[in-house]
Amino acid sequence: MAKPGHSWSCAPAGKEEDEEGEDPLDARIARTGCLEQHRELQECMEQHRDWRHCQTQLRAFGACMARRDQRE
């Protein structure tokens, strides 16, 4: 069960993402300027199903987010 305040939700079965519009999480990450690194990490995770195989992508995303934090 999700904790209170959890903003993720599952789409109803059979519902395409295109019908719903942009994913709110993707929109927030896009505003950071790190969307490409995030997508590469997601693709790696989908392929390997183990974050240990995605260290390069994980570090790239983390570095991008750290640079963003330093700019603010």
PDB file of N, CA and C in Angstrom:
ATOM      1  N   MET A   1       0.841  -1.174   0.000  1.00  0.00           N
ATOM      2  CA  MET A   1       0.000   0.000   0.000  1.00  0.00           C
ATOM      3  C   MET A   1       0.892   1.246   0.000  1.00  0.00           C
ATOM      4  N   ALA A   2       0.521   2.220  -0.767  1.00  0.00           N
ATOM      5  CA  ALA A   2       1.295   3.453  -0.883  1.00  0.00           C
ATOM      6  C   ALA A   2       1.154   4.288   0.380  1.00  0.00           C
ATOM      7  N   LYS A   3       2.211   4.994   0.701  1.00  0.00           N
ATOM      8  CA  LYS A   3       2.182   5.889   1.858  1.00  0.00           C
ATOM      9  C   LYS A   3       1.315   7.099   1.537  1.00  0.00           C
ATOM     10  N   PRO A   4       0.737   7.733   2.543  1.00  0.00           N
ATOM     11  CA  PRO A   4      -0.035   8.948   2.291  1.00  0.00           C
ATOM     12  C   PRO A   4       0.827   9.980   1.569  1.00  0.00           C
ATOM     13  N   GLY A   5       0.232  10.673   0.629  1.00  0.00           N
ATOM     14  CA  GLY A   5       0.963  11.676  -0.124  1.00  0.00           C
ATOM     15  C   GLY A   5       1.670  11.123  -1.340  1.00  0.00           C
ATOM     16  N   HIS A   6       1.599   9.836  -1.532  1.00  0.00           N
ATOM     17  CA  HIS A   6       2.224   9.206  -2.690  1.00  0.00           C
ATOM     18  C   HIS A   6       1.518   9.693  -3.941  1.00  0.00           C
ATOM     19  N   SER A   7       2.257  10.254  -4.896  1.00  0.00           N
ATOM     20  CA  SER A   7       1.627  10.884  -6.052  1.00  0.00           C
ATOM     21  C   SER A   7       1.568   9.990  -7.275  1.00  0.00           C
ATOM     22  N   TRP A   8       2.126   8.790  -7.195  1.00  0.00           N
ATOM     23  CA  TRP A   8       2.080   7.912  -8.357  1.00  0.00           C
ATOM     24  C   TRP A   8       0.731   7.230  -8.406  1.00  0.00           C
ATOM     25  N   SER A   9       0.284   6.949  -9.604  1.00  0.00           N
ATOM     26  CA  SER A   9      -0.951   6.202  -9.746  1.00  0.00           C
ATOM     27  C   SER A   9      -0.825   5.284 -10.941  1.00  0.00           C
ATOM     28  N   CYS A  10      -1.523   4.203 -10.894  1.00  0.00           N
ATOM     29  CA  CYS A  10      -1.517   3.251 -12.000  1.00  0.00           C
ATOM     30  C   CYS A  10      -2.644   3.614 -12.957  1.00  0.00           C
ATOM     31  N   ALA A  11      -2.335   3.551 -14.241  1.00  0.00           N
ATOM     32  CA  ALA A  11      -3.367   3.806 -15.243  1.00  0.00           C
ATOM     33  C   ALA A  11      -4.305   2.620 -15.305  1.00  0.00           C
ATOM     34  N   PRO A  12      -5.576   2.851 -15.557  1.00  0.00           N
ATOM     35  CA  PRO A  12      -6.505   1.743 -15.714  1.00  0.00           C
ATOM     36  C   PRO A  12      -6.046   0.818 -16.833  1.00  0.00           C
ATOM     37  N   ALA A  13      -6.319  -0.465 -16.686  1.00  0.00           N
ATOM     38  CA  ALA A  13      -5.908  -1.450 -17.682  1.00  0.00           C
ATOM     39  C   ALA A  13      -6.415  -1.070 -19.063  1.00  0.00           C
ATOM     40  N   GLY A  14      -5.506  -1.179 -20.047  1.00  0.00           N
ATOM     41  CA  GLY A  14      -5.890  -0.894 -21.424  1.00  0.00           C
ATOM     42  C   GLY A  14      -5.817   0.565 -21.798  1.00  0.00           C
ATOM     43  N   LYS A  15      -5.471   1.423 -20.894  1.00  0.00           N
ATOM     44  CA  LYS A  15      -5.415   2.849 -21.168  1.00  0.00           C
ATOM     45  C   LYS A  15      -4.010   3.208 -21.643  1.00  0.00           C
ATOM     46  N   GLU A  16      -3.908   3.842 -22.779  1.00  0.00           N
ATOM     47  CA  GLU A  16      -2.629   4.229 -23.345  1.00  0.00           C
ATOM     48  C   GLU A  16      -2.136   5.513 -22.697  1.00  0.00           C
ATOM     49  N   GLU A  17      -0.809   5.652 -22.539  1.00  0.00           N
ATOM     50  CA  GLU A  17      -0.239   6.869 -21.959  1.00  0.00           C
ATOM     51  C   GLU A  17      -0.567   8.076 -22.821  1.00  0.00           C
ATOM     52  N   ASP A  18      -0.613   7.893 -24.153  1.00  0.00           N
ATOM     53  CA  ASP A  18      -0.920   8.993 -25.052  1.00  0.00           C
ATOM     54  C   ASP A  18      -2.289   9.601 -24.754  1.00  0.00           C
ATOM     55  N   GLU A  19      -3.235   8.769 -24.346  1.00  0.00           N
ATOM     56  CA  GLU A  19      -4.577   9.260 -24.050  1.00  0.00           C
ATOM     57  C   GLU A  19      -4.568  10.120 -22.788  1.00  0.00           C
ATOM     58  N   GLU A  20      -3.661   9.843 -21.881  1.00  0.00           N
ATOM     59  CA  GLU A  20      -3.625  10.548 -20.607  1.00  0.00           C
ATOM     60  C   GLU A  20      -2.777  11.804 -20.658  1.00  0.00           C
ATOM     61  N   GLY A  21      -1.952  11.956 -21.649  1.00  0.00           N
ATOM     62  CA  GLY A  21      -1.034  13.082 -21.698  1.00  0.00           C
ATOM     63  C   GLY A  21       0.297  12.711 -21.083  1.00  0.00           C
ATOM     64  N   GLU A  22       1.099  13.723 -20.822  1.00  0.00           N
ATOM     65  CA  GLU A  22       2.439  13.514 -20.303  1.00  0.00           C
ATOM     66  C   GLU A  22       2.411  13.048 -18.852  1.00  0.00           C
ATOM     67  N   ASP A  23       3.296  12.135 -18.533  1.00  0.00           N
ATOM     68  CA  ASP A  23       3.454  11.642 -17.169  1.00  0.00           C
ATOM     69  C   ASP A  23       3.948  12.797 -16.288  1.00  0.00           C
ATOM     70  N   PRO A  24       3.302  13.068 -15.154  1.00  0.00           N
ATOM     71  CA  PRO A  24       3.719  14.186 -14.286  1.00  0.00           C
ATOM     72  C   PRO A  24       5.160  14.059 -13.809  1.00  0.00           C
ATOM     73  N   LEU A  25       5.616  12.845 -13.535  1.00  0.00           N
ATOM     74  CA  LEU A  25       6.997  12.657 -13.102  1.00  0.00           C
ATOM     75  C   LEU A  25       7.961  13.014 -14.225  1.00  0.00           C
ATOM     76  N   ASP A  26       7.658  12.572 -15.448  1.00  0.00           N
ATOM     77  CA  ASP A  26       8.497  12.929 -16.597  1.00  0.00           C
ATOM     78  C   ASP A  26       8.518  14.443 -16.794  1.00  0.00           C
ATOM     79  N   ALA A  27       7.397  15.096 -16.589  1.00  0.00           N
ATOM     80  CA  ALA A  27       7.333  16.553 -16.742  1.00  0.00           C
ATOM     81  C   ALA A  27       8.224  17.240 -15.708  1.00  0.00           C
ATOM     82  N   ARG A  28       8.217  16.751 -14.473  1.00  0.00           N
ATOM     83  CA  ARG A  28       9.066  17.344 -13.430  1.00  0.00           C
ATOM     84  C   ARG A  28      10.536  17.122 -13.745  1.00  0.00           C
ATOM     85  N   ILE A  29      10.883  15.929 -14.202  1.00  0.00           N
ATOM     86  CA  ILE A  29      12.274  15.641 -14.531  1.00  0.00           C
ATOM     87  C   ILE A  29      12.709  16.439 -15.752  1.00  0.00           C
ATOM     88  N   ALA A  30      11.823  16.625 -16.709  1.00  0.00           N
ATOM     89  CA  ALA A  30      12.147  17.412 -17.905  1.00  0.00           C
ATOM     90  C   ALA A  30      12.524  18.833 -17.516  1.00  0.00           C
ATOM     91  N   ARG A  31      11.870  19.380 -16.521  1.00  0.00           N
ATOM     92  CA  ARG A  31      12.186  20.744 -16.071  1.00  0.00           C
ATOM     93  C   ARG A  31      13.568  20.844 -15.441  1.00  0.00           C
ATOM     94  N   THR A  32      14.140  19.709 -15.015  1.00  0.00           N
ATOM     95  CA  THR A  32      15.481  19.725 -14.438  1.00  0.00           C
ATOM     96  C   THR A  32      16.553  19.753 -15.516  1.00  0.00           C
ATOM     97  N   GLY A  33      16.184  19.375 -16.747  1.00  0.00           N
ATOM     98  CA  GLY A  33      17.166  19.275 -17.819  1.00  0.00           C
ATOM     99  C   GLY A  33      17.838  17.908 -17.864  1.00  0.00           C
ATOM    100  N   CYS A  34      17.354  16.962 -17.080  1.00  0.00           N
ATOM    101  CA  CYS A  34      17.977  15.641 -16.972  1.00  0.00           C
ATOM    102  C   CYS A  34      17.098  14.525 -17.535  1.00  0.00           C
ATOM    103  N   LEU A  35      16.137  14.871 -18.373  1.00  0.00           N
ATOM    104  CA  LEU A  35      15.198  13.870 -18.878  1.00  0.00           C
ATOM    105  C   LEU A  35      15.891  12.789 -19.709  1.00  0.00           C
ATOM    106  N   GLU A  36      16.849  13.173 -20.538  1.00  0.00           N
ATOM    107  CA  GLU A  36      17.540  12.186 -21.380  1.00  0.00           C
ATOM    108  C   GLU A  36      18.280  11.154 -20.518  1.00  0.00           C
ATOM    109  N   GLN A  37      18.960  11.615 -19.494  1.00  0.00           N
ATOM    110  CA  GLN A  37      19.669  10.692 -18.604  1.00  0.00           C
ATOM    111  C   GLN A  37      18.683   9.791 -17.861  1.00  0.00           C
ATOM    112  N   HIS A  38      17.555  10.352 -17.477  1.00  0.00           N
ATOM    113  CA  HIS A  38      16.530   9.566 -16.783  1.00  0.00           C
ATOM    114  C   HIS A  38      15.970   8.480 -17.697  1.00  0.00           C
ATOM    115  N   ARG A  39      15.701   8.830 -18.943  1.00  0.00           N
ATOM    116  CA  ARG A  39      15.164   7.841 -19.897  1.00  0.00           C
ATOM    117  C   ARG A  39      16.174   6.741 -20.181  1.00  0.00           C
ATOM    118  N   GLU A  40      17.458   7.113 -20.286  1.00  0.00           N
ATOM    119  CA  GLU A  40      18.489   6.092 -20.502  1.00  0.00           C
ATOM    120  C   GLU A  40      18.545   5.132 -19.314  1.00  0.00           C
ATOM    121  N   LEU A  41      18.407   5.666 -18.106  1.00  0.00           N
ATOM    122  CA  LEU A  41      18.381   4.823 -16.912  1.00  0.00           C
ATOM    123  C   LEU A  41      17.154   3.918 -16.918  1.00  0.00           C
ATOM    124  N   GLN A  42      16.000   4.454 -17.294  1.00  0.00           N
ATOM    125  CA  GLN A  42      14.786   3.641 -17.371  1.00  0.00           C
ATOM    126  C   GLN A  42      14.936   2.507 -18.392  1.00  0.00           C
ATOM    127  N   GLU A  43      15.516   2.817 -19.548  1.00  0.00           N
ATOM    128  CA  GLU A  43      15.707   1.798 -20.578  1.00  0.00           C
ATOM    129  C   GLU A  43      16.643   0.700 -20.090  1.00  0.00           C
ATOM    130  N   CYS A  44      17.715   1.084 -19.402  1.00  0.00           N
ATOM    131  CA  CYS A  44      18.642   0.094 -18.857  1.00  0.00           C
ATOM    132  C   CYS A  44      17.933  -0.792 -17.838  1.00  0.00           C
ATOM    133  N   MET A  45      17.157  -0.170 -16.959  1.00  0.00           N
ATOM    134  CA  MET A  45      16.434  -0.942 -15.942  1.00  0.00           C
ATOM    135  C   MET A  45      15.420  -1.891 -16.576  1.00  0.00           C
ATOM    136  N   GLU A  46      14.769  -1.441 -17.642  1.00  0.00           N
ATOM    137  CA  GLU A  46      13.817  -2.307 -18.332  1.00  0.00           C
ATOM    138  C   GLU A  46      14.530  -3.505 -18.947  1.00  0.00           C
ATOM    139  N   GLN A  47      15.698  -3.257 -19.497  1.00  0.00           N
ATOM    140  CA  GLN A  47      16.448  -4.326 -20.156  1.00  0.00           C
ATOM    141  C   GLN A  47      17.039  -5.312 -19.153  1.00  0.00           C
ATOM    142  N   HIS A  48      17.644  -4.807 -18.086  1.00  0.00           N
ATOM    143  CA  HIS A  48      18.392  -5.672 -17.163  1.00  0.00           C
ATOM    144  C   HIS A  48      17.618  -6.071 -15.911  1.00  0.00           C
ATOM    145  N   ARG A  49      16.634  -5.281 -15.522  1.00  0.00           N
ATOM    146  CA  ARG A  49      15.844  -5.534 -14.310  1.00  0.00           C
ATOM    147  C   ARG A  49      16.718  -5.647 -13.057  1.00  0.00           C
ATOM    148  N   ASP A  50      17.857  -4.944 -13.063  1.00  0.00           N
ATOM    149  CA  ASP A  50      18.777  -4.976 -11.930  1.00  0.00           C
ATOM    150  C   ASP A  50      19.617  -3.704 -11.976  1.00  0.00           C
ATOM    151  N   TRP A  51      19.442  -2.832 -10.993  1.00  0.00           N
ATOM    152  CA  TRP A  51      20.115  -1.537 -11.000  1.00  0.00           C
ATOM    153  C   TRP A  51      21.624  -1.665 -11.002  1.00  0.00           C
ATOM    154  N   ARG A  52      22.146  -2.801 -10.546  1.00  0.00           N
ATOM    155  CA  ARG A  52      23.597  -2.973 -10.517  1.00  0.00           C
ATOM    156  C   ARG A  52      24.200  -3.000 -11.914  1.00  0.00           C
ATOM    157  N   HIS A  53      23.403  -3.341 -12.905  1.00  0.00           N
ATOM    158  CA  HIS A  53      23.872  -3.352 -14.299  1.00  0.00           C
ATOM    159  C   HIS A  53      23.759  -1.975 -14.946  1.00  0.00           C
ATOM    160  N   CYS A  54      23.214  -1.018 -14.242  1.00  0.00           N
ATOM    161  CA  CYS A  54      22.934   0.311 -14.818  1.00  0.00           C
ATOM    162  C   CYS A  54      23.707   1.418 -14.098  1.00  0.00           C
ATOM    163  N   GLN A  55      24.863   1.090 -13.567  1.00  0.00           N
ATOM    164  CA  GLN A  55      25.632   2.062 -12.796  1.00  0.00           C
ATOM    165  C   GLN A  55      26.053   3.277 -13.616  1.00  0.00           C
ATOM    166  N   THR A  56      26.425   3.075 -14.865  1.00  0.00           N
ATOM    167  CA  THR A  56      26.835   4.198 -15.710  1.00  0.00           C
ATOM    168  C   THR A  56      25.692   5.188 -15.874  1.00  0.00           C
ATOM    169  N   GLN A  57      24.502   4.674 -16.182  1.00  0.00           N
ATOM    170  CA  GLN A  57      23.330   5.521 -16.377  1.00  0.00           C
ATOM    171  C   GLN A  57      22.903   6.163 -15.058  1.00  0.00           C
ATOM    172  N   LEU A  58      22.993   5.409 -13.975  1.00  0.00           N
ATOM    173  CA  LEU A  58      22.623   5.921 -12.658  1.00  0.00           C
ATOM    174  C   LEU A  58      23.536   7.077 -12.262  1.00  0.00           C
ATOM    175  N   ARG A  59      24.826   6.915 -12.483  1.00  0.00           N
ATOM    176  CA  ARG A  59      25.778   7.987 -12.154  1.00  0.00           C
ATOM    177  C   ARG A  59      25.560   9.218 -13.035  1.00  0.00           C
ATOM    178  N   ALA A  60      25.276   9.000 -14.314  1.00  0.00           N
ATOM    179  CA  ALA A  60      25.041  10.125 -15.225  1.00  0.00           C
ATOM    180  C   ALA A  60      23.809  10.908 -14.794  1.00  0.00           C
ATOM    181  N   PHE A  61      22.743  10.222 -14.427  1.00  0.00           N
ATOM    182  CA  PHE A  61      21.532  10.894 -13.966  1.00  0.00           C
ATOM    183  C   PHE A  61      21.800  11.630 -12.657  1.00  0.00           C
ATOM    184  N   GLY A  62      22.492  10.974 -11.731  1.00  0.00           N
ATOM    185  CA  GLY A  62      22.816  11.609 -10.454  1.00  0.00           C
ATOM    186  C   GLY A  62      23.688  12.843 -10.632  1.00  0.00           C
ATOM    187  N   ALA A  63      24.663  12.768 -11.534  1.00  0.00           N
ATOM    188  CA  ALA A  63      25.541  13.912 -11.791  1.00  0.00           C
ATOM    189  C   ALA A  63      24.751  15.063 -12.402  1.00  0.00           C
ATOM    190  N   CYS A  64      23.844  14.759 -13.304  1.00  0.00           N
ATOM    191  CA  CYS A  64      23.014  15.791 -13.921  1.00  0.00           C
ATOM    192  C   CYS A  64      22.160  16.479 -12.857  1.00  0.00           C
ATOM    193  N   MET A  65      21.551  15.710 -11.995  1.00  0.00           N
ATOM    194  CA  MET A  65      20.717  16.289 -10.938  1.00  0.00           C
ATOM    195  C   MET A  65      21.568  17.108  -9.966  1.00  0.00           C
ATOM    196  N   ALA A  66      22.786  16.658  -9.673  1.00  0.00           N
ATOM    197  CA  ALA A  66      23.678  17.409  -8.788  1.00  0.00           C
ATOM    198  C   ALA A  66      24.070  18.741  -9.411  1.00  0.00           C
ATOM    199  N   ARG A  67      24.346  18.739 -10.720  1.00  0.00           N
ATOM    200  CA  ARG A  67      24.663  19.989 -11.410  1.00  0.00           C
ATOM    201  C   ARG A  67      23.483  20.943 -11.339  1.00  0.00           C
ATOM    202  N   ARG A  68      22.299  20.414 -11.498  1.00  0.00           N
ATOM    203  CA  ARG A  68      21.084  21.229 -11.415  1.00  0.00           C
ATOM    204  C   ARG A  68      20.950  21.855 -10.042  1.00  0.00           C
ATOM    205  N   ASP A  69      21.199  21.046  -8.990  1.00  0.00           N
ATOM    206  CA  ASP A  69      21.102  21.551  -7.623  1.00  0.00           C
ATOM    207  C   ASP A  69      22.123  22.656  -7.370  1.00  0.00           C
ATOM    208  N   GLN A  70      23.318  22.534  -7.955  1.00  0.00           N
ATOM    209  CA  GLN A  70      24.352  23.549  -7.768  1.00  0.00           C
ATOM    210  C   GLN A  70      23.977  24.862  -8.455  1.00  0.00           C
ATOM    211  N   ARG A  71      23.250  24.774  -9.569  1.00  0.00           N
ATOM    212  CA  ARG A  71      22.840  25.976 -10.291  1.00  0.00           C
ATOM    213  C   ARG A  71      21.789  26.766  -9.532  1.00  0.00           C
ATOM    214  N   GLU A  72      21.013  26.104  -8.708  1.00  0.00           N
ATOM    215  CA  GLU A  72      19.915  26.789  -7.997  1.00  0.00           C
ATOM    216  C   GLU A  72      20.352  27.473  -6.757  1.00  0.00           C
TER     217      GLU A  72
END
